Amino acid sequence: MNATLFIIGQAIVIVIGLIGIYVKISLKLKELEIRVSMVEKQDDTLSKKLDHILDQINKLAIALQNKQDR
Protein backbone atom coordinates (compact mmCIF):
# COMPACT_ATOMS: atom_id res chain seq x y z
CA MET A 1 0.00 0.00 0.00
CA ASN A 2 2.72 2.49 0.98
CA ALA A 3 4.81 1.55 -2.04
CA THR A 4 1.85 2.18 -4.35
CA LEU A 5 1.19 5.59 -2.83
CA PHE A 6 4.90 6.42 -3.08
CA ILE A 7 4.99 5.46 -6.78
CA ILE A 8 1.80 7.41 -7.51
CA GLY A 9 3.22 10.43 -5.67
CA GLN A 10 6.47 10.20 -7.61
CA ALA A 11 4.57 9.92 -10.89
CA ILE A 12 2.57 13.05 -10.04
CA VAL A 13 5.78 14.94 -9.17
CA ILE A 14 7.40 13.84 -12.46
CA VAL A 15 4.34 14.88 -14.50
CA ILE A 16 4.23 18.28 -12.77
CA GLY A 17 7.95 18.70 -13.39
CA LEU A 18 7.57 17.85 -17.08
CA ILE A 19 4.69 20.32 -17.40
CA GLY A 20 6.84 23.01 -15.75
CA ILE A 21 9.72 22.32 -18.14
CA TYR A 22 7.34 22.45 -21.11
CA VAL A 23 5.93 25.80 -19.98
CA LYS A 24 9.41 27.29 -19.48
CA ILE A 25 10.60 26.09 -22.89
CA SER A 26 7.45 27.39 -24.60
CA LEU A 27 7.93 30.78 -22.93
CA LYS A 28 11.59 30.98 -23.97
CA LEU A 29 10.69 30.06 -27.55
CA LYS A 30 8.04 32.78 -27.66
CA GLU A 31 10.56 35.32 -26.34
CA LEU A 32 13.03 34.27 -29.02
CA GLU A 33 10.38 34.62 -31.73
CA ILE A 34 9.60 38.14 -30.52
CA ARG A 35 13.29 39.07 -30.49
CA VAL A 36 13.83 37.66 -33.98
CA SER A 37 10.86 39.59 -35.35
CA MET A 38 12.20 42.80 -33.78
CA VAL A 39 15.65 42.21 -35.30
CA GLU A 40 14.09 41.48 -38.68
CA LYS A 41 12.14 44.76 -38.52
CA GLN A 42 15.34 46.63 -37.67
CA ASP A 43 17.12 44.89 -40.55
CA ASP A 44 14.34 45.89 -42.93
CA THR A 45 14.54 49.50 -41.75
CA LEU A 46 18.31 49.59 -42.16
CA SER A 47 18.06 47.95 -45.56
CA LYS A 48 15.56 50.57 -46.74
CA LYS A 49 17.79 53.37 -45.47
CA LEU A 50 20.82 51.88 -47.20
CA ASP A 51 18.86 51.48 -50.43
CA HIS A 52 17.84 55.14 -50.21
CA ILE A 53 21.46 56.21 -49.65
CA LEU A 54 22.59 54.10 -52.60
CA ASP A 55 19.94 55.67 -54.82
CA GLN A 56 21.09 59.15 -53.79
CA ILE A 57 24.73 58.27 -54.48
CA ASN A 58 23.78 56.93 -57.91
CA LYS A 59 21.85 60.13 -58.69
CA LEU A 60 24.85 62.23 -57.63
CA ALA A 61 27.17 60.11 -59.75
CA ILE A 62 24.90 60.57 -62.80
CA ALA A 63 24.70 64.30 -62.15
CA LEU A 64 28.48 64.56 -61.93
CA GLN A 65 28.90 62.52 -65.10
CA ASN A 66 26.44 64.81 -66.92
CA LYS A 67 28.39 67.88 -65.77
CA GLN A 68 31.64 66.36 -66.95
CA ASP A 69 30.14 65.55 -70.33
CA ARG A 70 29.22 69.21 -70.95
C-alpha atoms as a PDB file:
ATOM      1  CA  MET A   1       0.000   0.000   0.000  1.00  0.00           C
ATOM      2  CA  ASN A   2       2.723   2.489   0.981  1.00  0.00           C
ATOM      3  CA  ALA A   3       4.815   1.552  -2.041  1.00  0.00           C
ATOM      4  CA  THR A   4       1.852   2.178  -4.345  1.00  0.00           C
ATOM      5  CA  LEU A   5       1.190   5.594  -2.831  1.00  0.00           C
ATOM      6  CA  PHE A   6       4.897   6.419  -3.082  1.00  0.00           C
ATOM      7  CA  ILE A   7       4.991   5.461  -6.783  1.00  0.00           C
ATOM      8  CA  ILE A   8       1.801   7.414  -7.513  1.00  0.00           C
ATOM      9  CA  GLY A   9       3.222  10.432  -5.675  1.00  0.00           C
ATOM     10  CA  GLN A  10       6.475  10.204  -7.608  1.00  0.00           C
ATOM     11  CA  ALA A  11       4.570   9.922 -10.892  1.00  0.00           C
ATOM     12  CA  ILE A  12       2.566  13.050 -10.042  1.00  0.00           C
ATOM     13  CA  VAL A  13       5.783  14.940  -9.173  1.00  0.00           C
ATOM     14  CA  ILE A  14       7.397  13.844 -12.457  1.00  0.00           C
ATOM     15  CA  VAL A  15       4.344  14.884 -14.496  1.00  0.00           C
ATOM     16  CA  ILE A  16       4.226  18.282 -12.768  1.00  0.00           C
ATOM     17  CA  GLY A  17       7.949  18.700 -13.387  1.00  0.00           C
ATOM     18  CA  LEU A  18       7.570  17.854 -17.077  1.00  0.00           C
ATOM     19  CA  ILE A  19       4.693  20.321 -17.397  1.00  0.00           C
ATOM     20  CA  GLY A  20       6.838  23.005 -15.750  1.00  0.00           C
ATOM     21  CA  ILE A  21       9.717  22.321 -18.145  1.00  0.00           C
ATOM     22  CA  TYR A  22       7.342  22.449 -21.112  1.00  0.00           C
ATOM     23  CA  VAL A  23       5.928  25.796 -19.981  1.00  0.00           C
ATOM     24  CA  LYS A  24       9.406  27.294 -19.485  1.00  0.00           C
ATOM     25  CA  ILE A  25      10.602  26.094 -22.892  1.00  0.00           C
ATOM     26  CA  SER A  26       7.454  27.393 -24.595  1.00  0.00           C
ATOM     27  CA  LEU A  27       7.928  30.777 -22.934  1.00  0.00           C
ATOM     28  CA  LYS A  28      11.586  30.984 -23.973  1.00  0.00           C
ATOM     29  CA  LEU A  29      10.692  30.061 -27.552  1.00  0.00           C
ATOM     30  CA  LYS A  30       8.040  32.779 -27.664  1.00  0.00           C
ATOM     31  CA  GLU A  31      10.556  35.324 -26.340  1.00  0.00           C
ATOM     32  CA  LEU A  32      13.034  34.271 -29.024  1.00  0.00           C
ATOM     33  CA  GLU A  33      10.379  34.618 -31.729  1.00  0.00           C
ATOM     34  CA  ILE A  34       9.599  38.144 -30.521  1.00  0.00           C
ATOM     35  CA  ARG A  35      13.292  39.070 -30.494  1.00  0.00           C
ATOM     36  CA  VAL A  36      13.831  37.656 -33.980  1.00  0.00           C
ATOM     37  CA  SER A  37      10.863  39.589 -35.349  1.00  0.00           C
ATOM     38  CA  MET A  38      12.201  42.797 -33.778  1.00  0.00           C
ATOM     39  CA  VAL A  39      15.647  42.214 -35.299  1.00  0.00           C
ATOM     40  CA  GLU A  40      14.092  41.483 -38.683  1.00  0.00           C
ATOM     41  CA  LYS A  41      12.143  44.757 -38.519  1.00  0.00           C
ATOM     42  CA  GLN A  42      15.344  46.630 -37.670  1.00  0.00           C
ATOM     43  CA  ASP A  43      17.124  44.890 -40.551  1.00  0.00           C
ATOM     44  CA  ASP A  44      14.337  45.894 -42.931  1.00  0.00           C
ATOM     45  CA  THR A  45      14.539  49.495 -41.748  1.00  0.00           C
ATOM     46  CA  LEU A  46      18.313  49.588 -42.163  1.00  0.00           C
ATOM     47  CA  SER A  47      18.060  47.950 -45.562  1.00  0.00           C
ATOM     48  CA  LYS A  48      15.562  50.570 -46.738  1.00  0.00           C
ATOM     49  CA  LYS A  49      17.794  53.372 -45.468  1.00  0.00           C
ATOM     50  CA  LEU A  50      20.825  51.880 -47.201  1.00  0.00           C
ATOM     51  CA  ASP A  51      18.863  51.484 -50.435  1.00  0.00           C
ATOM     52  CA  HIS A  52      17.836  55.144 -50.212  1.00  0.00           C
ATOM     53  CA  ILE A  53      21.458  56.209 -49.646  1.00  0.00           C
ATOM     54  CA  LEU A  54      22.592  54.098 -52.602  1.00  0.00           C
ATOM     55  CA  ASP A  55      19.940  55.675 -54.821  1.00  0.00           C
ATOM     56  CA  GLN A  56      21.086  59.153 -53.791  1.00  0.00           C
ATOM     57  CA  ILE A  57      24.726  58.265 -54.482  1.00  0.00           C
ATOM     58  CA  ASN A  58      23.785  56.935 -57.911  1.00  0.00           C
ATOM     59  CA  LYS A  59      21.853  60.126 -58.685  1.00  0.00           C
ATOM     60  CA  LEU A  60      24.848  62.226 -57.627  1.00  0.00           C
ATOM     61  CA  ALA A  61      27.173  60.114 -59.754  1.00  0.00           C
ATOM     62  CA  ILE A  62      24.902  60.575 -62.795  1.00  0.00           C
ATOM     63  CA  ALA A  63      24.703  64.303 -62.152  1.00  0.00           C
ATOM     64  CA  LEU A  64      28.483  64.563 -61.927  1.00  0.00           C
ATOM     65  CA  GLN A  65      28.898  62.524 -65.104  1.00  0.00           C
ATOM     66  CA  ASN A  66      26.444  64.805 -66.917  1.00  0.00           C
ATOM     67  CA  LYS A  67      28.388  67.885 -65.765  1.00  0.00           C
ATOM     68  CA  GLN A  68      31.639  66.361 -66.948  1.00  0.00           C
ATOM     69  CA  ASP A  69      30.137  65.546 -70.334  1.00  0.00           C
ATOM     70  CA  ARG A  70      29.221  69.214 -70.945  1.00  0.00           C
END
